[in-house]
Amino acid sequence: MSETPVEGEGAQEQGPVVRDKRRIDPTTGEVRPGAAEQAAPADADAPPAAETELELDAVAELTADLQRLQAEFANYRRRVERDRQAVAEQALGSVMVGLLPVLDDIDRARSHGEVEGGFKLVVDGLETTLSKLGLQRFGEAGEPFDPTVHEALTHTLSAEVSEPVCAEVYQPGYRVGDRVLRPARVAVAEPEEQ
């Protein structure tokens, strides 16, 4: 014999309890009454503080990575531009070094009075073009001797000078910008020791 609880004796058989918390009624499609009161609190859309902090850390890390990459790219671009300019200056210097014997021959011809007429126009045009490209001639008699740009071929003592000077220039020097293509070959005069 099985005993079934009788109504009123306190024991009732219960089935699963389903609580439908949907705001929209699926059968009518309308907002259920009382759903507005059950609406999520104001900060329900905001993630918890720990997640927000982690997200901010991730954003800061990604921002730092992006800034580092941008700085690396800017440095790379500057380095490539500097290398490109260095290669261009080196190529220009190589061409100029090849022309220095021609310029020496022109100087010798000029000192003998052989640069006249049409040849003079060619020489002037060549020298103008080379100076526009940055070729500078240096080494004049009487200027102070600088071992970084002058090559001393002879040495004399003189009472007429107070510091080492270039007494005579045997061959002029040439530079492009700060780069010396050929030092000036000079005779150096130094003051006599007293």
C-alpha atoms as a PDB file:
ATOM      1  CA  MET A   1       0.000   0.000   0.000  1.00  0.00           C
ATOM      2  CA  SER A   2       1.256   3.264  -0.940  1.00  0.00           C
ATOM      3  CA  GLU A   3       0.461   6.295   0.872  1.00  0.00           C
ATOM      4  CA  THR A   4      -0.281   9.366  -1.080  1.00  0.00           C
ATOM      5  CA  PRO A   5      -0.236  12.590   0.713  1.00  0.00           C
ATOM      6  CA  VAL A   6      -3.541  14.012   1.299  1.00  0.00           C
ATOM      7  CA  GLU A   7      -4.313  17.615   0.700  1.00  0.00           C
ATOM      8  CA  GLY A   8      -3.912  19.532   3.824  1.00  0.00           C
ATOM      9  CA  GLU A   9      -1.512  17.153   5.489  1.00  0.00           C
ATOM     10  CA  GLY A  10       1.451  19.355   4.502  1.00  0.00           C
ATOM     11  CA  ALA A  11       3.339  17.329   1.957  1.00  0.00           C
ATOM     12  CA  GLN A  12       2.735  18.243  -1.639  1.00  0.00           C
ATOM     13  CA  GLU A  13       4.479  16.939  -4.657  1.00  0.00           C
ATOM     14  CA  GLN A  14       6.294  19.751  -6.459  1.00  0.00           C
ATOM     15  CA  GLY A  15       7.531  19.856 -10.053  1.00  0.00           C
ATOM     16  CA  PRO A  16      10.201  22.064 -11.520  1.00  0.00           C
ATOM     17  CA  VAL A  17       9.703  25.748 -10.962  1.00  0.00           C
ATOM     18  CA  VAL A  18      10.244  27.991 -13.998  1.00  0.00           C
ATOM     19  CA  ARG A  19      10.627  31.708 -13.565  1.00  0.00           C
ATOM     20  CA  ASP A  20      10.461  33.639 -16.811  1.00  0.00           C
ATOM     21  CA  LYS A  21      12.440  36.871 -16.440  1.00  0.00           C
ATOM     22  CA  ARG A  22      12.155  37.999 -20.020  1.00  0.00           C
ATOM     23  CA  ARG A  23      11.114  41.612 -20.441  1.00  0.00           C
ATOM     24  CA  ILE A  24       9.224  40.907 -23.651  1.00  0.00           C
ATOM     25  CA  ASP A  25       6.377  38.427 -23.603  1.00  0.00           C
ATOM     26  CA  PRO A  26       7.141  35.855 -26.350  1.00  0.00           C
ATOM     27  CA  THR A  27       3.494  35.312 -27.209  1.00  0.00           C
ATOM     28  CA  THR A  28       2.350  38.938 -27.448  1.00  0.00           C
ATOM     29  CA  GLY A  29       5.647  40.708 -28.189  1.00  0.00           C
ATOM     30  CA  GLU A  30       4.854  43.439 -25.683  1.00  0.00           C
ATOM     31  CA  VAL A  31       6.773  44.604 -22.658  1.00  0.00           C
ATOM     32  CA  ARG A  32       5.582  42.731 -19.604  1.00  0.00           C
ATOM     33  CA  PRO A  33       4.208  44.754 -16.724  1.00  0.00           C
ATOM     34  CA  GLY A  34       6.769  45.256 -13.967  1.00  0.00           C
ATOM     35  CA  ALA A  35       9.714  44.786 -16.389  1.00  0.00           C
ATOM     36  CA  ALA A  36      10.648  48.443 -16.054  1.00  0.00           C
ATOM     37  CA  GLU A  37      11.160  47.991 -12.323  1.00  0.00           C
ATOM     38  CA  GLN A  38      13.272  44.911 -12.973  1.00  0.00           C
ATOM     39  CA  ALA A  39      15.438  46.776 -15.435  1.00  0.00           C
ATOM     40  CA  ALA A  40      19.114  46.358 -14.886  1.00  0.00           C
ATOM     41  CA  PRO A  41      20.801  48.829 -12.570  1.00  0.00           C
ATOM     42  CA  ALA A  42      22.439  51.901 -14.115  1.00  0.00           C
ATOM     43  CA  ASP A  43      25.943  50.345 -14.085  1.00  0.00           C
ATOM     44  CA  ALA A  44      24.839  47.003 -15.532  1.00  0.00           C
ATOM     45  CA  ASP A  45      26.398  47.858 -18.914  1.00  0.00           C
ATOM     46  CA  ALA A  46      29.705  48.775 -17.261  1.00  0.00           C
ATOM     47  CA  PRO A  47      32.053  45.838 -16.757  1.00  0.00           C
ATOM     48  CA  PRO A  48      33.344  45.132 -13.285  1.00  0.00           C
ATOM     49  CA  ALA A  49      36.206  47.318 -12.040  1.00  0.00           C
ATOM     50  CA  ALA A  50      38.812  44.546 -12.417  1.00  0.00           C
ATOM     51  CA  GLU A  51      37.937  44.033 -16.090  1.00  0.00           C
ATOM     52  CA  THR A  52      38.026  47.788 -16.750  1.00  0.00           C
ATOM     53  CA  GLU A  53      41.448  48.043 -15.138  1.00  0.00           C
ATOM     54  CA  LEU A  54      42.753  45.128 -17.221  1.00  0.00           C
ATOM     55  CA  GLU A  55      41.364  46.695 -20.384  1.00  0.00           C
ATOM     56  CA  LEU A  56      42.977  50.043 -19.553  1.00  0.00           C
ATOM     57  CA  ASP A  57      46.312  48.291 -18.955  1.00  0.00           C
ATOM     58  CA  ALA A  58      45.997  46.508 -22.299  1.00  0.00           C
ATOM     59  CA  VAL A  59      45.164  49.775 -24.067  1.00  0.00           C
ATOM     60  CA  ALA A  60      48.136  51.504 -22.425  1.00  0.00           C
ATOM     61  CA  GLU A  61      50.443  48.637 -23.432  1.00  0.00           C
ATOM     62  CA  LEU A  62      49.212  48.673 -27.024  1.00  0.00           C
ATOM     63  CA  THR A  63      49.571  52.464 -27.150  1.00  0.00           C
ATOM     64  CA  ALA A  64      53.152  52.208 -25.889  1.00  0.00           C
ATOM     65  CA  ASP A  65      53.890  49.517 -28.495  1.00  0.00           C
ATOM     66  CA  LEU A  66      52.450  51.715 -31.234  1.00  0.00           C
ATOM     67  CA  GLN A  67      54.492  54.724 -30.097  1.00  0.00           C
ATOM     68  CA  ARG A  68      57.640  52.599 -29.986  1.00  0.00           C
ATOM     69  CA  LEU A  69      56.987  51.305 -33.504  1.00  0.00           C
ATOM     70  CA  GLN A  70      56.353  54.827 -34.770  1.00  0.00           C
ATOM     71  CA  ALA A  71      59.625  56.025 -33.223  1.00  0.00           C
ATOM     72  CA  GLU A  72      61.514  53.074 -34.707  1.00  0.00           C
ATOM     73  CA  PHE A  73      60.034  53.818 -38.132  1.00  0.00           C
ATOM     74  CA  ALA A  74      60.917  57.518 -37.878  1.00  0.00           C
ATOM     75  CA  ASN A  75      64.498  56.587 -36.890  1.00  0.00           C
ATOM     76  CA  TYR A  76      64.663  54.112 -39.767  1.00  0.00           C
ATOM     77  CA  ARG A  77      63.433  56.735 -42.220  1.00  0.00           C
ATOM     78  CA  ARG A  78      66.031  59.260 -40.958  1.00  0.00           C
ATOM     79  CA  ARG A  79      68.790  56.637 -41.138  1.00  0.00           C
ATOM     80  CA  VAL A  80      67.839  55.671 -44.699  1.00  0.00           C
ATOM     81  CA  GLU A  81      67.770  59.332 -45.755  1.00  0.00           C
ATOM     82  CA  ARG A  82      71.156  59.958 -44.103  1.00  0.00           C
ATOM     83  CA  ASP A  83      72.606  56.861 -45.811  1.00  0.00           C
ATOM     84  CA  ARG A  84      71.147  57.948 -49.154  1.00  0.00           C
ATOM     85  CA  GLN A  85      72.769  61.375 -48.792  1.00  0.00           C
ATOM     86  CA  ALA A  86      76.075  59.798 -47.778  1.00  0.00           C
ATOM     87  CA  VAL A  87      76.043  57.545 -50.856  1.00  0.00           C
ATOM     88  CA  ALA A  88      75.201  60.508 -53.103  1.00  0.00           C
ATOM     89  CA  GLU A  89      78.031  62.583 -51.572  1.00  0.00           C
ATOM     90  CA  GLN A  90      80.435  59.659 -51.933  1.00  0.00           C
ATOM     91  CA  ALA A  91      79.508  59.184 -55.594  1.00  0.00           C
ATOM     92  CA  LEU A  92      79.876  62.915 -56.251  1.00  0.00           C
ATOM     93  CA  GLY A  93      83.235  62.895 -54.449  1.00  0.00           C
ATOM     94  CA  SER A  94      84.437  59.971 -56.579  1.00  0.00           C
ATOM     95  CA  VAL A  95      83.586  61.835 -59.777  1.00  0.00           C
ATOM     96  CA  MET A  96      85.240  64.995 -58.479  1.00  0.00           C
ATOM     97  CA  VAL A  97      88.433  63.100 -57.528  1.00  0.00           C
ATOM     98  CA  GLY A  98      88.599  61.873 -61.117  1.00  0.00           C
ATOM     99  CA  LEU A  99      88.360  65.471 -62.367  1.00  0.00           C
ATOM    100  CA  LEU A 100      91.108  66.876 -60.109  1.00  0.00           C
ATOM    101  CA  PRO A 101      93.972  66.062 -62.549  1.00  0.00           C
ATOM    102  CA  VAL A 102      92.015  67.873 -65.284  1.00  0.00           C
ATOM    103  CA  LEU A 103      91.646  70.911 -63.014  1.00  0.00           C
ATOM    104  CA  ASP A 104      95.401  70.779 -62.278  1.00  0.00           C
ATOM    105  CA  ASP A 105      96.137  70.746 -66.032  1.00  0.00           C
ATOM    106  CA  ILE A 106      93.806  73.719 -66.523  1.00  0.00           C
ATOM    107  CA  ASP A 107      95.624  75.613 -63.726  1.00  0.00           C
ATOM    108  CA  ARG A 108      99.003  74.936 -65.370  1.00  0.00           C
ATOM    109  CA  ALA A 109      97.676  76.039 -68.756  1.00  0.00           C
ATOM    110  CA  ARG A 110      96.220  79.189 -67.183  1.00  0.00           C
ATOM    111  CA  SER A 111      99.567  80.015 -65.503  1.00  0.00           C
ATOM    112  CA  HIS A 112     101.247  79.794 -68.930  1.00  0.00           C
ATOM    113  CA  GLY A 113      98.594  81.983 -70.584  1.00  0.00           C
ATOM    114  CA  GLU A 114      97.185  79.192 -72.773  1.00  0.00           C
ATOM    115  CA  VAL A 115      93.558  79.487 -71.621  1.00  0.00           C
ATOM    116  CA  GLU A 116      92.179  81.852 -74.270  1.00  0.00           C
ATOM    117  CA  GLY A 117      89.246  82.116 -76.653  1.00  0.00           C
ATOM    118  CA  GLY A 118      86.722  79.276 -76.867  1.00  0.00           C
ATOM    119  CA  PHE A 119      88.736  77.091 -74.521  1.00  0.00           C
ATOM    120  CA  LYS A 120      88.388  79.765 -71.830  1.00  0.00           C
ATOM    121  CA  LEU A 121      84.573  79.545 -72.094  1.00  0.00           C
ATOM    122  CA  VAL A 122      84.728  75.755 -71.663  1.00  0.00           C
ATOM    123  CA  VAL A 123      87.028  76.084 -68.640  1.00  0.00           C
ATOM    124  CA  ASP A 124      84.823  78.745 -67.045  1.00  0.00           C
ATOM    125  CA  GLY A 125      81.709  76.607 -67.628  1.00  0.00           C
ATOM    126  CA  LEU A 126      83.383  73.538 -66.102  1.00  0.00           C
ATOM    127  CA  GLU A 127      84.574  75.453 -63.031  1.00  0.00           C
ATOM    128  CA  THR A 128      81.152  77.071 -62.562  1.00  0.00           C
ATOM    129  CA  THR A 129      79.387  73.722 -62.779  1.00  0.00           C
ATOM    130  CA  LEU A 130      81.786  72.102 -60.318  1.00  0.00           C
ATOM    131  CA  SER A 131      81.396  74.965 -57.850  1.00  0.00           C
ATOM    132  CA  LYS A 132      77.586  74.637 -58.076  1.00  0.00           C
ATOM    133  CA  LEU A 133      77.991  70.948 -57.188  1.00  0.00           C
ATOM    134  CA  GLY A 134      79.872  72.021 -54.056  1.00  0.00           C
ATOM    135  CA  LEU A 135      83.528  71.698 -55.085  1.00  0.00           C
ATOM    136  CA  GLN A 136      85.643  74.230 -53.198  1.00  0.00           C
ATOM    137  CA  ARG A 137      89.273  75.012 -53.839  1.00  0.00           C
ATOM    138  CA  PHE A 138      91.497  75.893 -50.867  1.00  0.00           C
ATOM    139  CA  GLY A 139      95.125  76.473 -50.079  1.00  0.00           C
ATOM    140  CA  GLU A 140      96.483  80.001 -50.493  1.00  0.00           C
ATOM    141  CA  ALA A 141      99.932  81.300 -49.653  1.00  0.00           C
ATOM    142  CA  GLY A 142      99.960  83.078 -46.291  1.00  0.00           C
ATOM    143  CA  GLU A 143      97.056  81.218 -44.672  1.00  0.00           C
ATOM    144  CA  PRO A 144      97.682  79.423 -41.354  1.00  0.00           C
ATOM    145  CA  PHE A 145      98.924  75.863 -41.702  1.00  0.00           C
ATOM    146  CA  ASP A 146      96.291  73.268 -40.742  1.00  0.00           C
ATOM    147  CA  PRO A 147      97.551  69.662 -40.853  1.00  0.00           C
ATOM    148  CA  THR A 148      94.003  68.372 -41.361  1.00  0.00           C
ATOM    149  CA  VAL A 149      93.698  70.089 -44.754  1.00  0.00           C
ATOM    150  CA  HIS A 150      97.324  70.808 -45.736  1.00  0.00           C
ATOM    151  CA  GLU A 151     100.077  68.378 -46.643  1.00  0.00           C
ATOM    152  CA  ALA A 152     103.491  69.810 -45.780  1.00  0.00           C
ATOM    153  CA  LEU A 153     106.071  68.993 -48.477  1.00  0.00           C
ATOM    154  CA  THR A 154     108.815  71.327 -47.264  1.00  0.00           C
ATOM    155  CA  HIS A 155     109.581  73.091 -44.013  1.00  0.00           C
ATOM    156  CA  THR A 156     111.461  76.342 -43.389  1.00  0.00           C
ATOM    157  CA  LEU A 157     112.066  78.718 -40.513  1.00  0.00           C
ATOM    158  CA  SER A 158     111.316  82.410 -40.943  1.00  0.00           C
ATOM    159  CA  ALA A 159     111.548  85.503 -38.749  1.00  0.00           C
ATOM    160  CA  GLU A 160     108.663  87.094 -40.704  1.00  0.00           C
ATOM    161  CA  VAL A 161     105.933  84.784 -39.344  1.00  0.00           C
ATOM    162  CA  SER A 162     104.511  84.410 -35.849  1.00  0.00           C
ATOM    163  CA  GLU A 163     102.766  81.085 -36.411  1.00  0.00           C
ATOM    164  CA  PRO A 164     103.116  78.209 -38.917  1.00  0.00           C
ATOM    165  CA  VAL A 165     101.801  79.385 -42.291  1.00  0.00           C
ATOM    166  CA  CYS A 166     101.684  78.120 -45.851  1.00  0.00           C
ATOM    167  CA  ALA A 167     104.592  79.932 -47.501  1.00  0.00           C
ATOM    168  CA  GLU A 168     103.991  78.466 -50.954  1.00  0.00           C
ATOM    169  CA  VAL A 169     101.251  76.295 -52.483  1.00  0.00           C
ATOM    170  CA  TYR A 170     102.526  73.569 -54.817  1.00  0.00           C
ATOM    171  CA  GLN A 171      99.111  72.052 -55.495  1.00  0.00           C
ATOM    172  CA  PRO A 172      95.723  73.406 -54.328  1.00  0.00           C
ATOM    173  CA  GLY A 173      93.402  71.283 -52.227  1.00  0.00           C
ATOM    174  CA  TYR A 174      89.749  70.524 -52.929  1.00  0.00           C
ATOM    175  CA  ARG A 175      86.787  69.695 -50.726  1.00  0.00           C
ATOM    176  CA  VAL A 176      83.090  68.963 -51.147  1.00  0.00           C
ATOM    177  CA  GLY A 177      81.215  70.155 -48.090  1.00  0.00           C
ATOM    178  CA  ASP A 178      83.252  69.017 -45.074  1.00  0.00           C
ATOM    179  CA  ARG A 179      84.920  66.143 -46.929  1.00  0.00           C
ATOM    180  CA  VAL A 180      88.471  66.851 -48.105  1.00  0.00           C
ATOM    181  CA  LEU A 181      89.013  65.271 -51.527  1.00  0.00           C
ATOM    182  CA  ARG A 182      92.664  66.207 -51.673  1.00  0.00           C
ATOM    183  CA  PRO A 183      94.779  68.158 -49.177  1.00  0.00           C
ATOM    184  CA  ALA A 184      96.651  71.217 -50.397  1.00  0.00           C
ATOM    185  CA  ARG A 185     100.350  70.471 -50.860  1.00  0.00           C
ATOM    186  CA  VAL A 186     102.309  73.346 -49.381  1.00  0.00           C
ATOM    187  CA  ALA A 187     105.631  74.610 -48.097  1.00  0.00           C
ATOM    188  CA  VAL A 188     105.371  75.466 -44.400  1.00  0.00           C
ATOM    189  CA  ALA A 189     107.172  78.394 -42.768  1.00  0.00           C
ATOM    190  CA  GLU A 190     107.458  78.424 -38.986  1.00  0.00           C
ATOM    191  CA  PRO A 191     108.791  81.178 -36.705  1.00  0.00           C
ATOM    192  CA  GLU A 192     112.447  80.916 -35.738  1.00  0.00           C
ATOM    193  CA  GLU A 193     113.116  79.854 -32.184  1.00  0.00           C
ATOM    194  CA  GLN A 194     114.444  82.697 -30.039  1.00  0.00           C
END
